[in-house]
């Protein structure tokens, strides 16, 4: 329908190229968001709608140190590394570990380190954490550790898909009120719109509504 464009045309310095069906296309350099669409995927990645809210809500900066459990395909690792000073990711599945390493290399990320292993067994090796991000089925296995490595006032964010998980986390935090403060449980909904001269309406497409709940816990 749109035709084809020769690779040499895209590699030229042209800002406008024409396909063999006479369709015009603007050419821009790929930004980081564009490049991340090309990373190799294994497990489901965390979407921009969730990552953006996490970054804003936890106020991470270029000076932040982030520790992540459950790297998956590395999308969150890459996102955090492009904002923060350094990121340490722990992944227990070897194939996922190798995939994250590959994607970090593709994105030319140098301030992130991926470790093959369970964070619960290595958390004592980390110090002065500004954000602890837990994308794992049982984040309580981390919460029940002595988390002196997390700065007072810093955030622990649990990324969990089911209501039963947030109930379990909430119930656990109630027993540890001298250590944690449960600040917020939320989900981020994304809906695309189609705008024309006569009518504006949500697009007829399979929407990505619920991906996961975001549980924001403050370390006391």
N, C-alpha and C. Protein backbone atom coordinates (compact mmCIF):
# COMPACT_ATOMS: atom_id res chain seq x y z
N UNK A 1 0.82 -1.21 0.00
CA UNK A 1 0.00 0.00 0.00
C UNK A 1 0.85 1.26 0.00
N UNK A 2 1.85 1.31 0.90
CA UNK A 2 2.69 2.49 0.99
C UNK A 2 3.89 2.42 0.04
N UNK A 3 4.14 1.24 -0.50
CA UNK A 3 5.28 1.10 -1.39
C UNK A 3 6.56 0.78 -0.65
N UNK A 4 7.66 0.83 -1.36
CA UNK A 4 8.97 0.54 -0.77
C UNK A 4 9.92 1.70 -1.02
N UNK A 5 10.93 1.77 -0.13
CA UNK A 5 11.96 2.81 -0.24
C UNK A 5 13.31 2.13 -0.20
N UNK A 6 14.20 2.49 -1.07
CA UNK A 6 15.52 1.90 -1.10
C UNK A 6 16.31 2.29 0.15
N UNK A 7 17.08 1.35 0.68
CA UNK A 7 17.86 1.60 1.88
C UNK A 7 18.84 2.75 1.68
N UNK A 8 19.42 2.83 0.48
CA UNK A 8 20.36 3.91 0.19
C UNK A 8 19.70 5.28 0.31
N UNK A 9 18.41 5.34 0.00
CA UNK A 9 17.68 6.61 0.12
C UNK A 9 17.59 7.03 1.59
N UNK A 10 17.34 6.05 2.46
CA UNK A 10 17.23 6.35 3.88
C UNK A 10 18.57 6.71 4.49
N UNK A 11 19.64 6.16 3.94
CA UNK A 11 20.98 6.44 4.45
C UNK A 11 21.58 7.72 3.89
N UNK A 12 20.86 8.36 2.99
CA UNK A 12 21.34 9.63 2.44
C UNK A 12 21.00 10.76 3.39
N UNK A 13 21.34 11.96 3.02
CA UNK A 13 21.06 13.12 3.86
C UNK A 13 19.72 13.77 3.54
N UNK A 14 18.90 13.06 2.80
CA UNK A 14 17.61 13.63 2.42
C UNK A 14 16.66 13.67 3.61
N UNK A 15 15.83 14.70 3.69
CA UNK A 15 14.79 14.78 4.72
C UNK A 15 13.43 14.38 4.16
N UNK A 16 13.36 14.21 2.85
CA UNK A 16 12.11 13.77 2.21
C UNK A 16 12.45 12.71 1.18
N UNK A 17 11.81 11.56 1.26
CA UNK A 17 12.03 10.49 0.28
C UNK A 17 10.68 10.07 -0.29
N UNK A 18 10.71 9.48 -1.48
CA UNK A 18 9.48 9.09 -2.17
C UNK A 18 9.55 7.60 -2.47
N UNK A 19 8.48 6.89 -2.14
CA UNK A 19 8.43 5.45 -2.36
C UNK A 19 8.11 5.15 -3.82
N UNK A 20 8.17 3.88 -4.19
CA UNK A 20 7.89 3.50 -5.58
C UNK A 20 6.42 3.64 -5.95
N UNK A 21 5.57 3.94 -4.95
CA UNK A 21 4.15 4.23 -5.24
C UNK A 21 3.87 5.73 -5.15
N UNK A 22 4.98 6.50 -5.14
CA UNK A 22 4.88 7.97 -5.16
C UNK A 22 4.35 8.56 -3.85
N UNK A 23 4.52 7.84 -2.75
CA UNK A 23 4.16 8.38 -1.44
C UNK A 23 5.36 9.09 -0.84
N UNK A 24 5.12 10.24 -0.25
CA UNK A 24 6.19 11.03 0.36
C UNK A 24 6.35 10.67 1.84
N UNK A 25 7.60 10.58 2.28
CA UNK A 25 7.90 10.29 3.68
C UNK A 25 8.98 11.24 4.18
N UNK A 26 8.76 11.79 5.38
CA UNK A 26 9.79 12.59 6.03
C UNK A 26 10.78 11.66 6.73
N UNK A 27 12.04 12.06 6.76
CA UNK A 27 13.09 11.24 7.35
C UNK A 27 13.69 11.99 8.54
N UNK A 28 13.68 11.35 9.71
CA UNK A 28 14.28 11.93 10.90
C UNK A 28 15.27 10.92 11.49
N UNK A 29 16.26 11.43 12.21
CA UNK A 29 17.16 10.54 12.94
C UNK A 29 16.36 9.85 14.04
N UNK A 30 16.66 8.59 14.29
CA UNK A 30 15.96 7.86 15.34
C UNK A 30 16.37 8.40 16.70
N UNK A 31 15.38 8.65 17.57
CA UNK A 31 15.67 9.04 18.94
C UNK A 31 15.69 7.80 19.83
N UNK A 32 15.89 8.00 21.13
CA UNK A 32 15.99 6.85 22.03
C UNK A 32 14.71 6.03 22.07
N UNK A 33 13.55 6.70 21.99
CA UNK A 33 12.28 5.97 21.99
C UNK A 33 12.20 5.09 20.74
N UNK A 34 12.58 5.64 19.59
CA UNK A 34 12.56 4.86 18.34
C UNK A 34 13.48 3.64 18.45
N UNK A 35 14.67 3.87 18.98
CA UNK A 35 15.63 2.77 19.08
C UNK A 35 15.13 1.66 20.01
N UNK A 36 14.44 2.06 21.08
CA UNK A 36 13.96 1.05 22.03
C UNK A 36 12.88 0.16 21.43
N UNK A 37 12.22 0.62 20.37
CA UNK A 37 11.23 -0.22 19.71
C UNK A 37 11.89 -1.39 18.98
N UNK A 38 13.19 -1.30 18.78
CA UNK A 38 13.92 -2.32 18.03
C UNK A 38 14.66 -3.31 18.93
N UNK A 39 14.58 -3.13 20.25
CA UNK A 39 15.29 -4.09 21.10
C UNK A 39 14.63 -5.47 20.97
N UNK A 40 15.44 -6.49 21.15
CA UNK A 40 14.93 -7.85 21.05
C UNK A 40 14.09 -8.15 22.29
N UNK A 41 12.91 -8.72 22.08
CA UNK A 41 12.00 -8.97 23.19
C UNK A 41 11.91 -10.46 23.50
N UNK A 42 11.83 -10.72 24.79
CA UNK A 42 11.54 -12.05 25.29
C UNK A 42 10.30 -11.93 26.14
N UNK A 43 10.48 -11.68 27.45
CA UNK A 43 9.31 -11.43 28.31
C UNK A 43 8.64 -10.11 27.92
N UNK A 44 7.39 -9.94 28.31
CA UNK A 44 6.66 -8.70 28.07
C UNK A 44 7.42 -7.53 28.68
N UNK A 45 7.59 -6.46 27.92
CA UNK A 45 8.31 -5.31 28.44
C UNK A 45 7.36 -4.38 29.20
N UNK A 46 7.94 -3.57 30.09
CA UNK A 46 7.17 -2.55 30.79
C UNK A 46 7.03 -1.36 29.85
N UNK A 47 5.80 -0.87 29.70
CA UNK A 47 5.51 0.15 28.70
C UNK A 47 5.84 1.55 29.20
N UNK A 48 5.98 2.46 28.23
CA UNK A 48 6.33 3.85 28.54
C UNK A 48 5.31 4.50 29.46
N UNK A 49 4.04 4.13 29.32
CA UNK A 49 3.01 4.74 30.15
C UNK A 49 3.25 4.48 31.63
N UNK A 50 3.78 3.32 31.96
CA UNK A 50 4.09 2.99 33.35
C UNK A 50 5.45 3.55 33.78
N UNK A 51 6.44 3.41 32.91
CA UNK A 51 7.78 3.88 33.25
C UNK A 51 7.81 5.39 33.45
N UNK A 52 7.09 6.11 32.60
CA UNK A 52 7.07 7.56 32.73
C UNK A 52 6.49 8.01 34.06
N UNK A 53 5.41 7.34 34.50
CA UNK A 53 4.80 7.71 35.77
C UNK A 53 5.71 7.35 36.94
N UNK A 54 6.36 6.20 36.85
CA UNK A 54 7.29 5.80 37.90
C UNK A 54 8.41 6.83 38.05
N UNK A 55 8.99 7.24 36.93
CA UNK A 55 10.09 8.20 36.96
C UNK A 55 9.64 9.53 37.57
N UNK A 56 8.46 9.98 37.17
CA UNK A 56 7.95 11.25 37.68
C UNK A 56 7.58 11.14 39.15
N UNK A 57 6.91 10.07 39.51
CA UNK A 57 6.39 9.90 40.87
C UNK A 57 7.50 9.72 41.90
N UNK A 58 8.60 9.09 41.50
CA UNK A 58 9.69 8.83 42.43
C UNK A 58 10.79 9.88 42.36
N UNK A 59 10.64 10.81 41.41
CA UNK A 59 11.56 11.95 41.28
C UNK A 59 13.02 11.53 41.12
N UNK A 60 13.26 10.50 40.31
CA UNK A 60 14.64 10.10 40.07
C UNK A 60 15.34 11.13 39.18
N UNK A 61 16.64 11.28 39.37
CA UNK A 61 17.42 12.30 38.64
C UNK A 61 18.71 11.68 38.12
N UNK A 62 19.53 12.52 37.53
CA UNK A 62 20.82 12.08 37.00
C UNK A 62 21.77 11.63 38.09
N UNK A 63 21.45 11.90 39.34
CA UNK A 63 22.29 11.48 40.46
C UNK A 63 21.77 10.23 41.16
N UNK A 64 20.68 9.66 40.68
CA UNK A 64 20.03 8.55 41.38
C UNK A 64 20.72 7.21 41.11
N UNK A 65 20.65 6.35 42.12
CA UNK A 65 21.11 4.97 41.99
C UNK A 65 19.89 4.07 42.11
N UNK A 66 19.65 3.24 41.09
CA UNK A 66 18.46 2.40 41.03
C UNK A 66 18.87 0.94 41.02
N UNK A 67 18.17 0.16 41.82
CA UNK A 67 18.35 -1.29 41.82
C UNK A 67 17.04 -1.92 41.40
N UNK A 68 17.12 -2.86 40.48
CA UNK A 68 15.94 -3.48 39.87
C UNK A 68 16.01 -4.99 40.02
N UNK A 69 14.89 -5.60 40.39
CA UNK A 69 14.80 -7.06 40.44
C UNK A 69 13.79 -7.52 39.40
N UNK A 70 14.23 -8.37 38.49
CA UNK A 70 13.37 -8.86 37.41
C UNK A 70 13.54 -8.03 36.17
N UNK A 71 14.63 -8.24 35.45
CA UNK A 71 14.95 -7.38 34.31
C UNK A 71 14.17 -7.66 33.04
N UNK A 72 13.68 -8.92 32.89
CA UNK A 72 12.90 -9.26 31.69
C UNK A 72 13.70 -9.09 30.42
N UNK A 73 13.23 -8.19 29.55
CA UNK A 73 13.93 -7.90 28.30
C UNK A 73 14.85 -6.69 28.41
N UNK A 74 14.81 -6.03 29.56
CA UNK A 74 15.71 -4.89 29.79
C UNK A 74 15.13 -3.53 29.47
N UNK A 75 13.84 -3.44 29.15
CA UNK A 75 13.26 -2.15 28.78
C UNK A 75 13.32 -1.16 29.94
N UNK A 76 12.98 -1.61 31.14
CA UNK A 76 13.04 -0.72 32.30
C UNK A 76 14.48 -0.37 32.63
N UNK A 77 15.37 -1.33 32.53
CA UNK A 77 16.79 -1.08 32.79
C UNK A 77 17.31 0.03 31.88
N UNK A 78 16.99 -0.07 30.61
CA UNK A 78 17.43 0.94 29.64
C UNK A 78 16.82 2.30 29.97
N UNK A 79 15.52 2.31 30.25
CA UNK A 79 14.84 3.57 30.57
C UNK A 79 15.47 4.24 31.78
N UNK A 80 15.65 3.49 32.85
CA UNK A 80 16.22 4.07 34.06
C UNK A 80 17.65 4.55 33.83
N UNK A 81 18.43 3.76 33.09
CA UNK A 81 19.83 4.12 32.85
C UNK A 81 19.97 5.41 32.06
N UNK A 82 18.99 5.73 31.23
CA UNK A 82 19.05 6.95 30.45
C UNK A 82 18.69 8.19 31.26
N UNK A 83 18.22 7.96 32.50
CA UNK A 83 17.90 9.06 33.39
C UNK A 83 18.86 9.13 34.56
N UNK A 84 19.13 7.99 35.17
CA UNK A 84 19.84 7.94 36.44
C UNK A 84 21.36 7.84 36.27
N UNK A 85 22.05 7.92 37.40
CA UNK A 85 23.50 7.83 37.40
C UNK A 85 23.96 6.40 37.13
N UNK A 86 23.32 5.43 37.82
CA UNK A 86 23.67 4.03 37.58
C UNK A 86 22.50 3.14 37.95
N UNK A 87 22.47 1.96 37.33
CA UNK A 87 21.40 0.98 37.55
C UNK A 87 22.04 -0.40 37.72
N UNK A 88 21.60 -1.12 38.75
CA UNK A 88 21.99 -2.51 38.93
C UNK A 88 20.73 -3.37 38.81
N UNK A 89 20.75 -4.31 37.89
CA UNK A 89 19.59 -5.16 37.63
C UNK A 89 19.93 -6.60 37.98
N UNK A 90 18.98 -7.28 38.62
CA UNK A 90 19.15 -8.69 38.97
C UNK A 90 18.09 -9.50 38.24
N UNK A 91 18.53 -10.57 37.58
CA UNK A 91 17.63 -11.42 36.80
C UNK A 91 17.98 -12.88 37.07
N UNK A 92 16.97 -13.69 37.41
CA UNK A 92 17.25 -15.08 37.79
C UNK A 92 17.23 -16.04 36.61
N UNK A 93 16.66 -15.64 35.47
CA UNK A 93 16.57 -16.51 34.30
C UNK A 93 17.75 -16.21 33.37
N UNK A 94 18.56 -17.21 33.09
CA UNK A 94 19.79 -16.98 32.33
C UNK A 94 19.51 -16.44 30.93
N UNK A 95 18.48 -16.97 30.25
CA UNK A 95 18.16 -16.49 28.91
C UNK A 95 17.77 -15.01 28.94
N UNK A 96 17.03 -14.61 29.96
CA UNK A 96 16.65 -13.20 30.09
C UNK A 96 17.88 -12.34 30.41
N UNK A 97 18.75 -12.87 31.24
CA UNK A 97 20.00 -12.19 31.58
C UNK A 97 20.81 -11.89 30.31
N UNK A 98 20.95 -12.88 29.45
CA UNK A 98 21.69 -12.69 28.20
C UNK A 98 20.99 -11.69 27.28
N UNK A 99 19.66 -11.74 27.28
CA UNK A 99 18.88 -10.82 26.45
C UNK A 99 19.06 -9.38 26.92
N UNK A 100 19.05 -9.17 28.23
CA UNK A 100 19.27 -7.82 28.75
C UNK A 100 20.65 -7.31 28.37
N UNK A 101 21.66 -8.16 28.54
CA UNK A 101 23.02 -7.76 28.16
C UNK A 101 23.08 -7.36 26.69
N UNK A 102 22.42 -8.13 25.84
CA UNK A 102 22.40 -7.84 24.41
C UNK A 102 21.73 -6.50 24.13
N UNK A 103 20.60 -6.25 24.79
CA UNK A 103 19.87 -5.01 24.55
C UNK A 103 20.59 -3.79 25.11
N UNK A 104 21.28 -3.96 26.23
CA UNK A 104 22.09 -2.86 26.77
C UNK A 104 23.21 -2.49 25.80
N UNK A 105 23.81 -3.49 25.21
CA UNK A 105 24.87 -3.24 24.23
C UNK A 105 24.31 -2.55 23.00
N UNK A 106 23.14 -3.01 22.52
CA UNK A 106 22.51 -2.40 21.35
C UNK A 106 22.19 -0.93 21.60
N UNK A 107 21.73 -0.61 22.81
CA UNK A 107 21.36 0.76 23.15
C UNK A 107 22.55 1.59 23.64
N UNK A 108 23.73 0.98 23.66
CA UNK A 108 24.96 1.64 24.07
C UNK A 108 24.86 2.20 25.49
N UNK A 109 24.30 1.39 26.38
CA UNK A 109 24.15 1.77 27.78
C UNK A 109 25.39 1.32 28.55
N UNK A 110 26.06 2.25 29.21
CA UNK A 110 27.29 1.92 29.92
C UNK A 110 27.16 2.07 31.43
N UNK A 111 26.09 2.66 31.91
CA UNK A 111 25.95 2.89 33.36
C UNK A 111 24.98 1.92 34.02
N UNK A 112 24.71 0.79 33.35
CA UNK A 112 23.85 -0.25 33.92
C UNK A 112 24.60 -1.57 33.96
N UNK A 113 24.39 -2.30 35.05
CA UNK A 113 25.03 -3.61 35.21
C UNK A 113 23.96 -4.64 35.50
N UNK A 114 23.96 -5.73 34.75
CA UNK A 114 22.99 -6.79 34.97
C UNK A 114 23.69 -7.97 35.64
N UNK A 115 23.04 -8.50 36.67
CA UNK A 115 23.59 -9.60 37.45
C UNK A 115 22.68 -10.82 37.32
N UNK A 116 23.28 -11.98 37.11
CA UNK A 116 22.53 -13.23 37.06
C UNK A 116 22.39 -13.75 38.48
N UNK A 117 21.18 -13.64 39.03
CA UNK A 117 20.97 -14.09 40.39
C UNK A 117 19.75 -13.44 41.01
N UNK A 118 19.43 -13.89 42.21
CA UNK A 118 18.26 -13.42 42.95
C UNK A 118 18.67 -12.25 43.84
N UNK A 119 18.01 -11.11 43.66
CA UNK A 119 18.34 -9.93 44.47
C UNK A 119 18.20 -10.23 45.96
N UNK A 120 17.24 -11.08 46.33
CA UNK A 120 17.04 -11.40 47.74
C UNK A 120 18.31 -11.96 48.38
N UNK A 121 19.15 -12.58 47.58
CA UNK A 121 20.38 -13.18 48.09
C UNK A 121 21.57 -12.22 48.03
N UNK A 122 21.38 -11.06 47.40
CA UNK A 122 22.50 -10.15 47.20
C UNK A 122 22.21 -8.71 47.63
N UNK A 123 21.02 -8.47 48.20
CA UNK A 123 20.62 -7.11 48.52
C UNK A 123 21.59 -6.44 49.49
N UNK A 124 22.24 -7.24 50.34
CA UNK A 124 23.17 -6.65 51.32
C UNK A 124 24.41 -6.07 50.66
N UNK A 125 24.65 -6.42 49.38
CA UNK A 125 25.81 -5.89 48.66
C UNK A 125 25.57 -4.48 48.11
N UNK A 126 24.32 -4.04 48.11
CA UNK A 126 23.99 -2.73 47.55
C UNK A 126 23.93 -1.67 48.66
N UNK A 127 24.22 -0.43 48.29
CA UNK A 127 24.25 0.66 49.27
C UNK A 127 23.59 1.92 48.68
N UNK A 128 22.96 2.69 49.56
CA UNK A 128 22.46 4.02 49.22
C UNK A 128 21.56 4.02 47.98
N UNK A 129 20.53 3.19 48.01
CA UNK A 129 19.61 3.06 46.87
C UNK A 129 18.58 4.17 46.90
N UNK A 130 18.38 4.83 45.75
CA UNK A 130 17.38 5.89 45.63
C UNK A 130 16.04 5.36 45.16
N UNK A 131 16.05 4.27 44.41
CA UNK A 131 14.82 3.62 43.96
C UNK A 131 15.06 2.13 43.86
N UNK A 132 14.23 1.36 44.54
CA UNK A 132 14.26 -0.09 44.44
C UNK A 132 13.02 -0.51 43.67
N UNK A 133 13.23 -1.06 42.47
CA UNK A 133 12.12 -1.41 41.58
C UNK A 133 11.99 -2.92 41.50
N UNK A 134 10.81 -3.43 41.89
CA UNK A 134 10.60 -4.87 41.99
C UNK A 134 9.55 -5.33 40.99
N UNK A 135 10.01 -5.94 39.90
CA UNK A 135 9.12 -6.52 38.89
C UNK A 135 9.23 -8.03 39.01
N UNK A 136 8.52 -8.57 39.98
CA UNK A 136 8.67 -9.99 40.31
C UNK A 136 7.38 -10.49 40.94
N UNK A 137 7.11 -11.81 40.86
CA UNK A 137 5.84 -12.34 41.37
C UNK A 137 5.66 -12.16 42.88
N UNK A 138 6.76 -12.26 43.64
CA UNK A 138 6.67 -12.18 45.10
C UNK A 138 7.62 -11.11 45.64
N UNK A 139 7.29 -9.84 45.50
CA UNK A 139 8.18 -8.79 45.99
C UNK A 139 8.38 -8.81 47.50
N UNK A 140 7.49 -9.49 48.22
CA UNK A 140 7.63 -9.57 49.68
C UNK A 140 8.94 -10.27 50.07
N UNK A 141 9.44 -11.15 49.20
CA UNK A 141 10.72 -11.81 49.51
C UNK A 141 11.86 -10.80 49.61
N UNK A 142 11.70 -9.65 48.98
CA UNK A 142 12.68 -8.56 49.10
C UNK A 142 12.30 -7.66 50.27
N UNK A 143 11.01 -7.33 50.39
CA UNK A 143 10.57 -6.42 51.44
C UNK A 143 10.88 -6.95 52.84
N UNK A 144 10.91 -8.27 52.99
CA UNK A 144 11.16 -8.85 54.31
C UNK A 144 12.64 -8.86 54.68
N UNK A 145 13.50 -8.44 53.75
CA UNK A 145 14.93 -8.33 54.06
C UNK A 145 15.19 -7.07 54.87
N UNK A 146 16.36 -6.99 55.46
CA UNK A 146 16.78 -5.78 56.17
C UNK A 146 17.24 -4.76 55.14
N UNK A 147 16.35 -3.83 54.77
CA UNK A 147 16.62 -2.93 53.65
C UNK A 147 17.27 -1.62 54.09
N UNK A 148 18.32 -1.74 54.88
CA UNK A 148 19.07 -0.54 55.26
C UNK A 148 19.80 0.05 54.06
N UNK A 149 19.88 -0.71 52.98
CA UNK A 149 20.54 -0.24 51.76
C UNK A 149 19.70 0.82 51.03
N UNK A 150 18.39 0.89 51.33
CA UNK A 150 17.51 1.88 50.71
C UNK A 150 17.50 3.13 51.58
N UNK A 151 17.73 4.28 50.97
CA UNK A 151 17.78 5.53 51.72
C UNK A 151 16.45 5.82 52.40
N UNK A 152 16.51 6.43 53.55
CA UNK A 152 15.29 6.86 54.23
C UNK A 152 14.58 7.89 53.36
N UNK A 153 13.28 7.68 53.12
CA UNK A 153 12.52 8.58 52.27
C UNK A 153 12.51 8.18 50.81
N UNK A 154 13.36 7.20 50.44
CA UNK A 154 13.41 6.74 49.05
C UNK A 154 12.25 5.78 48.79
N UNK A 155 12.04 5.48 47.50
CA UNK A 155 10.90 4.67 47.10
C UNK A 155 11.27 3.23 46.80
N UNK A 156 10.34 2.36 47.14
CA UNK A 156 10.33 0.98 46.66
C UNK A 156 9.06 0.86 45.83
N UNK A 157 9.20 0.49 44.56
CA UNK A 157 8.04 0.38 43.67
C UNK A 157 7.88 -1.07 43.26
N UNK A 158 6.69 -1.62 43.53
CA UNK A 158 6.36 -2.98 43.11
C UNK A 158 5.48 -2.91 41.87
N UNK A 159 5.86 -3.66 40.85
CA UNK A 159 5.12 -3.73 39.59
C UNK A 159 4.48 -5.10 39.52
N UNK A 160 3.16 -5.17 39.81
CA UNK A 160 2.49 -6.47 39.90
C UNK A 160 1.17 -6.43 39.13
N UNK A 161 0.79 -7.50 38.44
CA UNK A 161 -0.39 -7.48 37.58
C UNK A 161 -1.72 -7.80 38.24
N UNK A 162 -1.72 -8.44 39.41
CA UNK A 162 -2.99 -8.94 39.95
C UNK A 162 -3.39 -8.27 41.26
N UNK A 163 -4.69 -8.26 41.51
CA UNK A 163 -5.23 -7.67 42.73
C UNK A 163 -4.76 -8.44 43.96
N UNK A 164 -4.68 -9.76 43.85
CA UNK A 164 -4.23 -10.55 45.00
C UNK A 164 -2.83 -10.16 45.43
N UNK A 165 -1.99 -9.79 44.47
CA UNK A 165 -0.63 -9.38 44.80
C UNK A 165 -0.61 -8.06 45.58
N UNK A 166 -1.42 -7.09 45.13
CA UNK A 166 -1.42 -5.81 45.85
C UNK A 166 -2.05 -5.97 47.24
N UNK A 167 -2.98 -6.89 47.37
CA UNK A 167 -3.56 -7.16 48.69
C UNK A 167 -2.51 -7.75 49.62
N UNK A 168 -1.72 -8.68 49.10
CA UNK A 168 -0.67 -9.31 49.92
C UNK A 168 0.38 -8.28 50.34
N UNK A 169 0.76 -7.41 49.40
CA UNK A 169 1.75 -6.38 49.72
C UNK A 169 1.20 -5.42 50.77
N UNK A 170 -0.04 -4.98 50.56
CA UNK A 170 -0.66 -4.05 51.50
C UNK A 170 -0.75 -4.64 52.90
N UNK A 171 -1.16 -5.89 52.99
CA UNK A 171 -1.28 -6.55 54.29
C UNK A 171 0.09 -6.68 54.96
N UNK A 172 1.11 -6.96 54.16
CA UNK A 172 2.45 -7.09 54.74
C UNK A 172 2.95 -5.75 55.27
N UNK A 173 2.74 -4.68 54.51
CA UNK A 173 3.22 -3.36 54.92
C UNK A 173 2.57 -2.94 56.24
N UNK A 174 1.32 -3.33 56.45
CA UNK A 174 0.63 -2.99 57.70
C UNK A 174 1.34 -3.58 58.92
N UNK A 175 2.05 -4.68 58.71
CA UNK A 175 2.78 -5.30 59.82
C UNK A 175 4.17 -4.69 60.01
N UNK A 176 4.54 -3.78 59.09
CA UNK A 176 5.88 -3.19 59.13
C UNK A 176 5.80 -1.66 59.08
N UNK A 177 4.86 -1.11 59.85
CA UNK A 177 4.61 0.33 59.78
C UNK A 177 5.77 1.16 60.31
N UNK A 178 6.68 0.57 61.04
CA UNK A 178 7.86 1.29 61.51
C UNK A 178 8.97 1.28 60.47
N UNK A 179 8.79 0.52 59.38
CA UNK A 179 9.81 0.43 58.34
C UNK A 179 9.36 1.02 57.01
N UNK A 180 8.06 0.90 56.70
CA UNK A 180 7.55 1.31 55.39
C UNK A 180 6.27 2.13 55.54
N UNK A 181 6.05 2.98 54.53
CA UNK A 181 4.79 3.70 54.43
C UNK A 181 4.23 3.46 53.03
N UNK A 182 3.04 2.86 52.96
CA UNK A 182 2.40 2.60 51.67
C UNK A 182 1.74 3.89 51.19
N UNK A 183 2.35 4.51 50.19
CA UNK A 183 1.94 5.85 49.77
C UNK A 183 0.86 5.85 48.69
N UNK A 184 0.94 4.89 47.76
CA UNK A 184 -0.01 4.92 46.64
C UNK A 184 -0.05 3.58 45.93
N UNK A 185 -1.24 3.19 45.50
CA UNK A 185 -1.41 2.06 44.58
C UNK A 185 -2.20 2.59 43.39
N UNK A 186 -1.69 2.42 42.20
CA UNK A 186 -2.35 3.01 41.04
C UNK A 186 -2.12 2.14 39.82
N UNK A 187 -2.86 2.46 38.75
CA UNK A 187 -2.58 1.89 37.43
C UNK A 187 -2.70 3.02 36.42
N UNK A 188 -1.98 2.89 35.34
CA UNK A 188 -1.96 3.92 34.30
C UNK A 188 -2.66 3.38 33.07
N UNK A 189 -3.70 4.09 32.62
CA UNK A 189 -4.48 3.67 31.46
C UNK A 189 -4.12 4.55 30.27
N UNK A 190 -3.89 3.93 29.13
CA UNK A 190 -3.55 4.65 27.90
C UNK A 190 -4.65 4.46 26.87
N UNK A 191 -5.13 5.57 26.28
CA UNK A 191 -6.15 5.48 25.24
C UNK A 191 -5.80 6.43 24.10
N UNK A 192 -5.76 5.90 22.88
CA UNK A 192 -5.42 6.70 21.70
C UNK A 192 -6.69 7.29 21.08
N UNK A 193 -6.54 8.48 20.49
CA UNK A 193 -7.68 9.15 19.88
C UNK A 193 -7.43 9.43 18.40
N UNK A 194 -8.50 9.39 17.64
CA UNK A 194 -8.46 9.75 16.22
C UNK A 194 -9.17 11.10 16.07
N UNK A 195 -8.49 12.07 15.49
CA UNK A 195 -9.04 13.42 15.33
C UNK A 195 -9.15 13.76 13.84
N UNK A 196 -10.35 14.15 13.40
CA UNK A 196 -10.57 14.56 12.01
C UNK A 196 -11.37 15.86 12.01
N UNK A 197 -11.66 16.36 10.81
CA UNK A 197 -12.40 17.63 10.72
C UNK A 197 -13.80 17.53 11.28
N UNK A 198 -14.43 16.36 11.16
CA UNK A 198 -15.83 16.24 11.53
C UNK A 198 -16.07 15.57 12.88
N UNK A 199 -15.17 14.70 13.27
CA UNK A 199 -15.42 13.95 14.50
C UNK A 199 -14.09 13.58 15.17
N UNK A 200 -14.11 13.55 16.48
CA UNK A 200 -12.97 13.08 17.27
C UNK A 200 -13.47 11.98 18.19
N UNK A 201 -12.78 10.86 18.21
CA UNK A 201 -13.24 9.72 18.99
C UNK A 201 -12.05 8.82 19.33
N UNK A 202 -12.22 7.97 20.32
CA UNK A 202 -11.17 6.99 20.60
C UNK A 202 -10.96 6.08 19.39
N UNK A 203 -9.72 5.71 19.15
CA UNK A 203 -9.44 4.84 18.02
C UNK A 203 -10.04 3.46 18.25
N UNK A 204 -10.50 2.84 17.15
CA UNK A 204 -11.00 1.47 17.21
C UNK A 204 -9.81 0.53 17.09
N UNK A 205 -9.24 0.21 18.21
CA UNK A 205 -8.06 -0.64 18.22
C UNK A 205 -8.04 -1.39 19.54
N UNK A 206 -7.26 -2.41 19.57
CA UNK A 206 -7.11 -3.15 20.81
C UNK A 206 -6.27 -2.33 21.77
N UNK A 207 -6.91 -1.74 22.75
CA UNK A 207 -6.20 -0.87 23.68
C UNK A 207 -5.40 -1.67 24.70
N UNK A 208 -4.31 -1.08 25.11
CA UNK A 208 -3.54 -1.65 26.20
C UNK A 208 -3.97 -0.89 27.45
N UNK A 209 -4.93 -1.45 28.16
CA UNK A 209 -5.44 -0.77 29.35
C UNK A 209 -4.61 -1.18 30.57
N UNK A 210 -5.02 -2.27 31.20
CA UNK A 210 -4.30 -2.69 32.40
C UNK A 210 -3.07 -3.50 32.03
N UNK A 211 -1.94 -3.05 32.50
CA UNK A 211 -0.71 -3.84 32.38
C UNK A 211 -0.29 -4.35 33.75
N UNK A 212 -0.29 -3.43 34.73
CA UNK A 212 0.07 -3.82 36.09
C UNK A 212 -0.33 -2.72 37.06
N UNK A 213 -0.37 -3.09 38.32
CA UNK A 213 -0.54 -2.10 39.38
C UNK A 213 0.84 -1.61 39.80
N UNK A 214 0.92 -0.35 40.13
CA UNK A 214 2.15 0.25 40.62
C UNK A 214 1.95 0.56 42.10
N UNK A 215 2.75 -0.09 42.93
CA UNK A 215 2.65 0.09 44.38
C UNK A 215 3.85 0.92 44.83
N UNK A 216 3.58 2.11 45.33
CA UNK A 216 4.63 3.03 45.75
C UNK A 216 4.78 2.99 47.28
N UNK A 217 5.93 2.50 47.73
CA UNK A 217 6.20 2.34 49.16
C UNK A 217 7.36 3.26 49.52
N UNK A 218 7.19 3.98 50.60
CA UNK A 218 8.26 4.87 51.07
C UNK A 218 9.04 4.19 52.19
N UNK A 219 10.34 4.19 52.07
CA UNK A 219 11.20 3.61 53.14
C UNK A 219 11.33 4.62 54.26
N UNK A 220 11.01 4.20 55.45
CA UNK A 220 11.10 5.09 56.61
C UNK A 220 12.53 5.09 57.17
